Amino acid sequence: MRIRKVSVFSLLFFLCISLLSAQKSPSPLVKIPFPAGTLSWNPDDTKFAVGEEHYITVRDAKTSSPLYELPFDNVLLLRFADEGGKDMLLALSHDGRASIWDFKDDPIFTVVETDGDKKEVKAPTYELSVKSESGKIVAANFSRSSNVIVTALDDGSVTAYFKLRYTEVLLPKELTKHAQACYSVAVSPDEALVASASSDGKLVINNANSAEQICELDVFAKTKVPVLFTKDSSAIISASNAETLTIRSFDGKTQRKIKVKAEIRDIALSSDGNTLSVLTSDDRIRFFNLETGEYTGYIPPYNITKLTSFALSASGKYVLAGHADGSIYKLAFRNSVLDPDSQPPGLLSLDEDSLVQKGSAHIPDGIDEKNRNKYQEELKNGLSIEELMEELRKYREGGLLPSGKIIEYPEIRTDVFGAILDEEKDNYS
């Protein structure tokens, strides 16, 4: 059998034409050198913030260029505040440092020189502390307007801090203490209630002002899915098993169940409170109508590494998707959401020999054992399609790629054909 040797560009051509109903995959908007963590949009979709190793970087949403670099270590929580015309960012660290930047009314920058490079950085407009000597912060949340910060410690205690804007101080209020540490806390949209969910499956709702306990409900805690209030602050959304979300009133009555049919990792509400976004174990972001429970569509992953974070824009037009390899994508709903029953773009079954590259280790039928080594020597340093997909499978399972390098091609979906393994693309000809 004669083997067709094709260039990597021809290979990509064959792959691209074999994608059924394919959408052009986006290239990463930003690539940082470690897994993408906390992400946040500002209220008018013009900026977004990324928690990096020692900085928070605020970037222009159109160009992705850095606007501000904010020195800040160990980011736990990051959120732009919706404070009527203000352009403010709040950050909370694992050690209890709370910093607030006002970009509109406090345009003061400092030039810092690091390794010969000069950068404009911005110190916080003011700083607060929610540090406690009694334990480590394991969960935290801000209210939408940033007036309330809630923290949970590893000893089970929960505290609501009321931010007094003009005096720049925090007024703490101790809430119901759990028997075990909490994995999620939430503030209701009207800032009147605080929910806290602990590892022993207890969900407690307190009045934020009086600290009175409103109710205690059971919750599925194994997968540590966050708890959320509905937009009218009258009900709570929580996991009832690994693949189901339940909306309940505070008397425990079930209003609606949403069966996701995949293991749930994270959830978020749109700014209007009508759409529930669910990140599942297959790295899809699925969308549900909160009123009806209807599954309306999903965004497939555009990267072979784990999706580690996502953030919905205030307008509902965009999603930021951050991955374990440091890639951050800006995805437009209009172009990225697929119908619930549709499959992500996939490969046609092509003749295997038409996809063999120069340097492929593919051995065609008819080559006996005696000539195998000679054939492999002639076509060394490459991989067949089957071997590429096997390496991709190993990568997904946490194994190391033998070449130590992934070359991604943004023209096609990387989870369909994610890696060409070699030291350089130029090795293919």
Protein backbone atom coordinates (compact mmCIF):
# COMPACT_ATOMS: atom_id res chain seq x y z
CA MET A 1 0.00 0.00 0.00
CA ARG A 2 1.45 3.34 -1.03
CA ILE A 3 1.67 5.92 1.75
CA ARG A 4 0.73 9.50 0.98
CA LYS A 5 2.98 11.92 2.80
CA VAL A 6 1.44 15.31 3.29
CA SER A 7 2.56 18.51 4.93
CA VAL A 8 1.13 19.59 8.24
CA PHE A 9 -0.75 22.31 6.37
CA SER A 10 -2.32 19.73 4.07
CA LEU A 11 -3.18 17.69 7.14
CA LEU A 12 -4.91 20.66 8.64
CA PHE A 13 -6.76 21.22 5.38
CA PHE A 14 -8.09 17.69 5.45
CA LEU A 15 -9.08 18.10 9.07
CA CYS A 16 -10.78 21.43 8.53
CA ILE A 17 -12.89 20.28 5.60
CA SER A 18 -13.93 17.25 7.65
CA LEU A 19 -15.53 19.29 10.38
CA LEU A 20 -19.28 19.09 10.10
CA SER A 21 -21.11 22.33 10.80
CA ALA A 22 -17.95 23.65 12.37
CA GLN A 23 -17.72 27.08 13.87
CA LYS A 24 -14.34 28.73 13.69
CA SER A 25 -12.70 28.14 17.03
CA PRO A 26 -11.52 31.25 18.81
CA SER A 27 -7.90 31.82 19.67
CA PRO A 28 -7.13 32.63 23.31
CA LEU A 29 -7.70 36.28 24.11
CA VAL A 30 -5.01 36.10 26.79
CA LYS A 31 -2.42 33.47 27.70
CA ILE A 32 -0.95 33.57 31.20
CA PRO A 33 1.79 31.21 32.46
CA PHE A 34 -0.33 29.38 35.03
CA PRO A 35 -3.92 28.11 35.33
CA ALA A 36 -6.58 30.78 34.88
CA GLY A 37 -8.19 31.51 38.23
CA THR A 38 -10.51 34.31 39.23
CA LEU A 39 -12.15 36.31 36.41
CA SER A 40 -14.54 39.27 36.48
CA TRP A 41 -16.22 41.65 34.03
CA ASN A 42 -16.91 45.30 34.78
CA PRO A 43 -20.57 46.46 34.57
CA ASP A 44 -20.41 47.84 31.02
CA ASP A 45 -18.38 44.98 29.44
CA THR A 46 -15.46 47.25 28.53
CA LYS A 47 -12.95 45.71 30.95
CA PHE A 48 -12.22 42.41 32.62
CA ALA A 49 -9.90 41.43 35.47
CA VAL A 50 -7.72 38.34 35.83
CA GLY A 51 -6.19 37.16 39.09
CA GLU A 52 -2.56 36.26 38.33
CA GLU A 53 0.28 35.09 40.56
CA HIS A 54 1.28 38.36 42.22
CA TYR A 55 -0.94 40.78 40.32
CA ILE A 56 -4.47 41.41 39.26
CA THR A 57 -4.41 42.51 35.63
CA VAL A 58 -7.27 44.64 34.30
CA ARG A 59 -7.53 44.40 30.52
CA ASP A 60 -9.39 46.13 27.74
CA ALA A 61 -12.16 43.76 26.61
CA LYS A 62 -11.77 44.63 22.92
CA THR A 63 -8.01 44.60 22.52
CA SER A 64 -7.08 42.46 25.58
CA SER A 65 -4.24 44.91 26.26
CA PRO A 66 -3.41 45.52 29.95
CA LEU A 67 -4.91 48.70 31.37
CA TYR A 68 -3.79 48.37 34.99
CA GLU A 69 -1.53 46.09 36.97
CA LEU A 70 -2.58 45.81 40.60
CA PRO A 71 -0.11 44.22 43.03
CA PHE A 72 -2.04 41.56 44.95
CA ASP A 73 -1.07 38.08 46.19
CA ASN A 74 -3.21 34.98 46.83
CA VAL A 75 -6.46 36.12 45.21
CA LEU A 76 -9.50 34.31 46.61
CA LEU A 77 -12.27 36.50 45.22
CA LEU A 78 -12.39 39.21 42.57
CA ARG A 79 -15.34 41.33 41.51
CA PHE A 80 -16.14 44.62 39.86
CA ALA A 81 -18.65 46.56 41.95
CA ASP A 82 -21.96 47.81 40.64
CA GLU A 83 -22.03 51.10 42.52
CA GLY A 84 -24.00 53.50 40.30
CA GLY A 85 -21.49 55.11 37.97
CA LYS A 86 -18.43 54.02 39.93
CA ASP A 87 -15.66 52.04 38.28
CA MET A 88 -14.50 49.94 41.22
CA LEU A 89 -12.82 46.58 41.66
CA LEU A 90 -12.79 44.58 44.90
CA ALA A 91 -10.38 41.78 45.72
CA LEU A 92 -10.10 39.48 48.71
CA SER A 93 -7.05 37.37 49.51
CA HIS A 94 -6.86 34.03 51.29
CA ASP A 95 -5.28 35.75 54.28
CA GLY A 96 -8.12 38.27 54.69
CA ARG A 97 -6.79 41.32 52.88
CA ALA A 98 -9.59 43.25 51.16
CA SER A 99 -8.55 45.88 48.61
CA ILE A 100 -10.70 48.36 46.68
CA TRP A 101 -9.59 50.22 43.55
CA ASP A 102 -11.53 53.21 42.24
CA PHE A 103 -10.43 53.72 38.63
CA LYS A 104 -12.69 56.68 37.98
CA ASP A 105 -12.07 58.97 40.95
CA ASP A 106 -8.57 57.89 41.92
CA PRO A 107 -6.37 57.81 38.78
CA ILE A 108 -3.05 57.60 40.66
CA PHE A 109 -0.32 55.32 39.31
CA THR A 110 3.15 54.35 40.44
CA VAL A 111 5.97 53.40 38.08
CA VAL A 112 7.66 50.19 39.23
CA GLU A 113 10.82 48.81 37.66
CA THR A 114 11.18 45.01 37.64
CA ASP A 115 14.02 43.26 35.81
CA GLY A 116 14.62 46.37 33.75
CA ASP A 117 10.98 46.74 32.71
CA LYS A 118 8.99 49.76 33.84
CA LYS A 119 5.30 49.20 34.56
CA GLU A 120 2.54 51.46 35.70
CA VAL A 121 0.83 49.91 38.69
CA LYS A 122 -1.99 51.18 40.83
CA ALA A 123 -2.12 50.93 44.59
CA PRO A 124 -5.53 50.30 46.19
CA THR A 125 -7.68 53.35 46.82
CA TYR A 126 -8.15 51.90 50.28
CA GLU A 127 -7.71 48.59 52.08
CA LEU A 128 -9.71 46.72 54.69
CA SER A 129 -9.11 43.55 56.64
CA VAL A 130 -11.35 40.57 57.34
CA LYS A 131 -8.52 38.54 58.79
CA SER A 132 -9.37 36.40 61.82
CA GLU A 133 -7.05 34.83 64.34
CA SER A 134 -9.49 31.97 64.89
CA GLY A 135 -9.14 30.31 61.49
CA LYS A 136 -8.36 30.36 57.79
CA ILE A 137 -10.77 31.78 55.20
CA VAL A 138 -12.15 28.90 53.14
CA ALA A 139 -15.07 30.62 51.38
CA ALA A 140 -16.11 34.21 50.70
CA ASN A 141 -18.45 36.34 48.63
CA PHE A 142 -19.34 39.96 47.91
CA SER A 143 -22.81 41.39 47.52
CA ARG A 144 -23.52 42.78 44.06
CA SER A 145 -23.20 46.38 45.22
CA SER A 146 -20.13 45.52 47.34
CA ASN A 147 -21.74 46.75 50.57
CA VAL A 148 -21.43 43.33 52.21
CA ILE A 149 -18.51 40.91 52.39
CA VAL A 150 -19.15 37.43 53.82
CA THR A 151 -16.38 35.09 54.92
CA ALA A 152 -16.39 31.54 56.26
CA LEU A 153 -13.49 30.10 58.27
CA ASP A 154 -12.23 26.55 58.54
CA ASP A 155 -13.65 26.34 62.08
CA GLY A 156 -17.20 26.65 60.71
CA SER A 157 -17.78 30.29 61.66
CA VAL A 158 -19.44 32.72 59.23
CA THR A 159 -19.20 36.53 59.39
CA ALA A 160 -20.92 39.26 57.41
CA TYR A 161 -18.94 42.52 57.13
CA PHE A 162 -20.81 45.70 56.24
CA LYS A 163 -18.66 48.13 54.30
CA LEU A 164 -19.20 51.73 55.39
CA ARG A 165 -18.21 53.67 52.30
CA TYR A 166 -17.42 57.06 53.78
CA THR A 167 -15.50 55.93 56.84
CA GLU A 168 -13.74 53.07 55.00
CA VAL A 169 -14.28 50.58 57.82
CA LEU A 170 -16.05 47.23 58.13
CA LEU A 171 -18.73 46.43 60.68
CA PRO A 172 -18.74 42.66 61.43
CA LYS A 173 -21.79 40.55 62.30
CA GLU A 174 -21.33 36.95 63.47
CA LEU A 175 -23.80 34.52 61.89
CA THR A 176 -24.71 30.89 62.64
CA LYS A 177 -21.64 28.75 63.16
CA HIS A 178 -21.51 25.41 61.37
CA ALA A 179 -20.24 22.14 62.82
CA GLN A 180 -17.94 21.76 59.80
CA ALA A 181 -16.22 24.19 57.45
CA CYS A 182 -18.29 25.89 54.75
CA TYR A 183 -17.49 25.49 51.06
CA SER A 184 -19.87 28.22 49.82
CA VAL A 185 -21.43 31.47 51.03
CA ALA A 186 -23.80 33.81 49.20
CA VAL A 187 -25.44 37.21 49.72
CA SER A 188 -28.99 37.80 48.46
CA PRO A 189 -29.47 40.48 45.78
CA ASP A 190 -31.31 42.70 48.29
CA GLU A 191 -28.41 42.23 50.77
CA ALA A 192 -30.85 41.16 53.50
CA LEU A 193 -29.86 37.48 53.66
CA VAL A 194 -26.73 35.33 53.82
CA ALA A 195 -26.59 31.65 52.89
CA SER A 196 -23.80 29.30 53.96
CA ALA A 197 -23.33 25.65 53.02
CA SER A 198 -21.01 23.31 54.93
CA SER A 199 -19.31 20.01 54.19
CA ASP A 200 -21.71 18.08 56.43
CA GLY A 201 -24.61 18.92 54.10
CA LYS A 202 -26.15 21.79 56.06
CA LEU A 203 -27.42 24.94 54.35
CA VAL A 204 -28.16 27.82 56.72
CA ILE A 205 -29.83 31.12 55.83
CA ASN A 206 -29.41 34.08 58.19
CA ASN A 207 -30.80 37.59 58.30
CA ALA A 208 -27.70 39.62 57.50
CA ASN A 209 -28.62 42.54 59.78
CA SER A 210 -29.99 40.79 62.87
CA ALA A 211 -28.00 37.53 62.44
CA GLU A 212 -31.26 35.64 63.10
CA GLN A 213 -31.31 32.16 61.56
CA ILE A 214 -34.14 31.97 59.02
CA CYS A 215 -33.89 28.27 58.22
CA GLU A 216 -31.66 25.21 57.94
CA LEU A 217 -31.95 22.93 54.90
CA ASP A 218 -30.14 19.85 53.68
CA VAL A 219 -27.82 20.18 50.70
CA PHE A 220 -25.74 17.79 48.59
CA ALA A 221 -22.21 18.72 49.64
CA LYS A 222 -20.04 16.05 48.04
CA THR A 223 -19.30 18.03 44.86
CA LYS A 224 -19.22 21.41 46.66
CA VAL A 225 -21.43 23.20 44.15
CA PRO A 226 -21.97 26.86 45.20
CA VAL A 227 -25.33 28.04 46.54
CA LEU A 228 -27.11 31.03 44.99
CA PHE A 229 -30.15 33.17 45.73
CA THR A 230 -32.76 33.79 43.05
CA LYS A 231 -33.01 37.33 41.66
CA ASP A 232 -35.94 38.25 43.94
CA SER A 233 -34.12 36.97 47.06
CA SER A 234 -37.05 34.65 47.83
CA ALA A 235 -35.50 31.23 47.14
CA ILE A 236 -32.19 29.38 47.19
CA ILE A 237 -30.53 27.33 44.42
CA SER A 238 -28.42 24.36 45.53
CA ALA A 239 -27.39 20.87 44.43
CA SER A 240 -29.61 17.96 45.46
CA ASN A 241 -27.32 15.37 43.85
CA ALA A 242 -24.29 15.39 41.55
CA GLU A 243 -26.38 16.14 38.44
CA THR A 244 -29.44 17.99 39.76
CA LEU A 245 -30.09 21.51 41.05
CA THR A 246 -33.09 22.35 43.22
CA ILE A 247 -34.75 25.72 43.76
CA ARG A 248 -36.39 25.88 47.20
CA SER A 249 -38.23 28.43 49.28
CA PHE A 250 -36.97 29.01 52.80
CA ASP A 251 -39.58 26.66 54.26
CA GLY A 252 -37.90 23.85 52.33
CA LYS A 253 -40.56 23.44 49.64
CA THR A 254 -39.22 22.58 46.20
CA GLN A 255 -40.22 25.07 43.53
CA ARG A 256 -38.33 23.47 40.66
CA LYS A 257 -35.70 20.87 39.85
CA ILE A 258 -33.18 21.29 37.05
CA LYS A 259 -31.75 18.01 35.81
CA VAL A 260 -28.42 18.77 34.22
CA LYS A 261 -27.56 15.15 33.22
CA ALA A 262 -23.85 15.71 33.83
CA GLU A 263 -21.83 16.22 36.99
CA ILE A 264 -22.06 19.85 38.10
CA ARG A 265 -18.88 21.72 38.98
CA ASP A 266 -19.98 25.35 39.26
CA ILE A 267 -23.02 27.59 38.75
CA ALA A 268 -23.63 31.29 38.14
CA LEU A 269 -26.62 33.54 37.49
CA SER A 270 -26.84 36.10 34.71
CA SER A 271 -27.03 39.72 35.83
CA ASP A 272 -30.78 39.81 35.12
CA GLY A 273 -31.25 36.65 37.18
CA ASN A 274 -33.13 34.81 34.42
CA THR A 275 -30.44 32.46 33.11
CA LEU A 276 -28.55 29.88 35.14
CA SER A 277 -25.11 28.91 33.82
CA VAL A 278 -23.81 25.49 34.83
CA LEU A 279 -20.23 24.29 34.35
CA THR A 280 -20.17 20.50 34.07
CA SER A 281 -17.47 17.85 34.30
CA ASP A 282 -17.15 17.66 30.50
CA ASP A 283 -16.12 21.35 30.49
CA ARG A 284 -19.35 22.48 28.86
CA ILE A 285 -21.05 25.65 30.08
CA ARG A 286 -24.77 24.84 29.95
CA PHE A 287 -27.58 27.37 30.09
CA PHE A 288 -31.00 26.95 31.69
CA ASN A 289 -34.04 29.20 31.89
CA LEU A 290 -34.53 29.65 35.63
CA GLU A 291 -38.28 30.19 35.40
CA THR A 292 -39.03 27.05 33.40
CA GLY A 293 -35.94 24.90 34.00
CA GLU A 294 -35.58 24.52 30.22
CA TYR A 295 -32.13 23.61 28.90
CA THR A 296 -31.53 26.25 26.23
CA GLY A 297 -28.01 25.49 24.96
CA TYR A 298 -24.36 25.09 25.78
CA ILE A 299 -20.88 26.34 24.96
CA PRO A 300 -18.42 23.51 24.21
CA PRO A 301 -14.80 23.69 25.35
CA TYR A 302 -12.28 25.18 22.92
CA ASN A 303 -9.20 23.89 24.67
CA ILE A 304 -8.00 20.40 25.64
CA THR A 305 -7.09 21.44 29.19
CA LYS A 306 -9.56 21.68 32.04
CA LEU A 307 -11.84 24.71 32.18
CA THR A 308 -10.91 26.23 35.54
CA SER A 309 -13.07 29.37 35.66
CA PHE A 310 -15.69 31.33 33.76
CA ALA A 311 -17.41 34.70 34.08
CA LEU A 312 -20.56 36.06 32.47
CA SER A 313 -20.59 39.65 31.25
CA ALA A 314 -23.19 42.02 32.71
CA SER A 315 -24.88 42.48 29.34
CA GLY A 316 -25.17 38.74 28.84
CA LYS A 317 -23.37 38.96 25.49
CA TYR A 318 -20.03 37.40 26.44
CA VAL A 319 -18.41 34.69 28.54
CA LEU A 320 -14.80 34.56 29.68
CA ALA A 321 -13.55 30.98 29.84
CA GLY A 322 -10.23 30.28 31.59
CA HIS A 323 -8.31 27.02 31.27
CA ALA A 324 -5.62 25.11 33.13
CA ASP A 325 -2.98 25.96 30.52
CA GLY A 326 -3.50 29.68 31.17
CA SER A 327 -5.60 30.35 28.07
CA ILE A 328 -8.51 32.76 28.51
CA TYR A 329 -11.14 32.97 25.78
CA LYS A 330 -13.72 35.68 25.18
CA LEU A 331 -16.75 33.90 23.73
CA ALA A 332 -19.74 35.66 22.22
CA PHE A 333 -23.05 33.97 23.07
CA ARG A 334 -24.39 34.59 19.58
CA ASN A 335 -21.53 32.69 17.94
CA SER A 336 -20.66 30.11 20.59
CA VAL A 337 -23.86 28.66 22.05
CA LEU A 338 -24.98 25.40 20.46
CA ASP A 339 -28.48 23.95 20.58
CA PRO A 340 -29.01 21.39 23.37
CA ASP A 341 -29.32 18.44 20.99
CA SER A 342 -26.46 19.39 18.67
CA GLN A 343 -23.05 17.81 18.92
CA PRO A 344 -19.83 19.81 18.94
CA PRO A 345 -18.00 19.78 15.59
CA GLY A 346 -16.32 16.43 14.94
CA LEU A 347 -14.13 14.68 12.39
CA LEU A 348 -15.42 12.70 9.45
CA SER A 349 -14.05 9.20 9.10
CA LEU A 350 -11.37 9.79 6.47
CA ASP A 351 -9.09 7.32 4.79
CA GLU A 352 -6.26 6.87 7.23
CA ASP A 353 -3.49 6.95 4.66
CA SER A 354 -4.59 10.36 3.41
CA LEU A 355 -3.78 11.78 6.83
CA VAL A 356 -0.28 10.36 7.27
CA GLN A 357 2.34 13.05 7.84
CA LYS A 358 5.99 12.99 7.07
CA GLY A 359 7.55 11.49 10.15
CA SER A 360 4.51 9.40 11.00
CA ALA A 361 4.98 6.21 12.96
CA HIS A 362 1.93 4.74 11.23
CA ILE A 363 2.66 1.29 9.81
CA PRO A 364 0.41 0.39 6.87
CA ASP A 365 -0.99 -3.06 6.21
CA GLY A 366 1.41 -5.38 4.42
CA ILE A 367 4.57 -4.32 6.25
CA ASP A 368 6.01 -7.39 7.98
CA GLU A 369 7.97 -7.41 11.22
CA LYS A 370 11.30 -7.67 9.38
CA ASN A 371 10.76 -4.37 7.61
CA ARG A 372 8.99 -2.60 10.45
CA ASN A 373 12.12 -1.07 12.00
CA LYS A 374 13.34 0.15 8.62
CA TYR A 375 9.96 1.68 7.88
CA GLN A 376 9.80 3.36 11.27
CA GLU A 377 13.31 4.74 10.83
CA GLU A 378 12.29 6.23 7.49
CA LEU A 379 9.18 7.80 8.97
CA LYS A 380 10.44 8.53 12.47
CA ASN A 381 9.67 11.50 14.71
CA GLY A 382 5.98 11.58 13.93
CA LEU A 383 2.65 10.19 15.02
CA SER A 384 -0.33 8.71 13.25
CA ILE A 385 -3.81 10.08 13.80
CA GLU A 386 -4.53 7.19 16.17
CA GLU A 387 -1.39 7.91 18.15
CA LEU A 388 -2.13 11.61 18.27
CA MET A 389 -5.56 10.89 19.68
CA GLU A 390 -4.06 8.43 22.16
CA GLU A 391 -1.60 11.09 23.35
CA LEU A 392 -4.50 13.51 23.65
CA ARG A 393 -6.35 10.95 25.77
CA LYS A 394 -3.30 10.54 28.02
CA TYR A 395 -3.04 14.31 28.34
CA ARG A 396 -6.68 14.56 29.36
CA GLU A 397 -6.05 11.92 32.05
CA GLY A 398 -3.16 13.92 33.46
CA GLY A 399 -0.25 12.21 31.73
CA LEU A 400 2.71 14.03 30.24
CA LEU A 401 3.14 14.47 26.54
CA PRO A 402 6.37 12.81 25.38
CA SER A 403 7.59 15.84 23.48
CA GLY A 404 6.81 18.15 26.37
CA LYS A 405 5.18 20.61 24.02
CA ILE A 406 1.73 21.18 22.55
CA ILE A 407 1.26 23.10 19.34
CA GLU A 408 -2.34 24.24 19.05
CA TYR A 409 -4.05 25.25 15.83
CA PRO A 410 -6.87 27.74 16.46
CA GLU A 411 -8.49 27.03 13.09
CA ILE A 412 -9.94 23.78 14.44
CA ARG A 413 -11.36 22.71 17.79
CA THR A 414 -8.50 21.59 19.97
CA ASP A 415 -10.57 19.01 21.79
CA VAL A 416 -11.31 17.35 18.42
CA PHE A 417 -7.71 17.35 17.24
CA GLY A 418 -5.79 19.00 19.99
CA ALA A 419 -2.07 18.45 19.64
CA ILE A 420 0.64 17.94 17.06
CA LEU A 421 3.56 16.57 19.00
CA ASP A 422 7.01 17.65 17.97
CA GLU A 423 9.56 20.20 18.98
CA GLU A 424 8.80 22.54 16.09
CA LYS A 425 6.12 22.86 13.42
CA ASP A 426 8.92 23.25 10.88
CA ASN A 427 9.87 19.61 11.42
CA TYR A 428 6.85 18.76 9.31
CA SER A 429 7.25 19.25 5.58
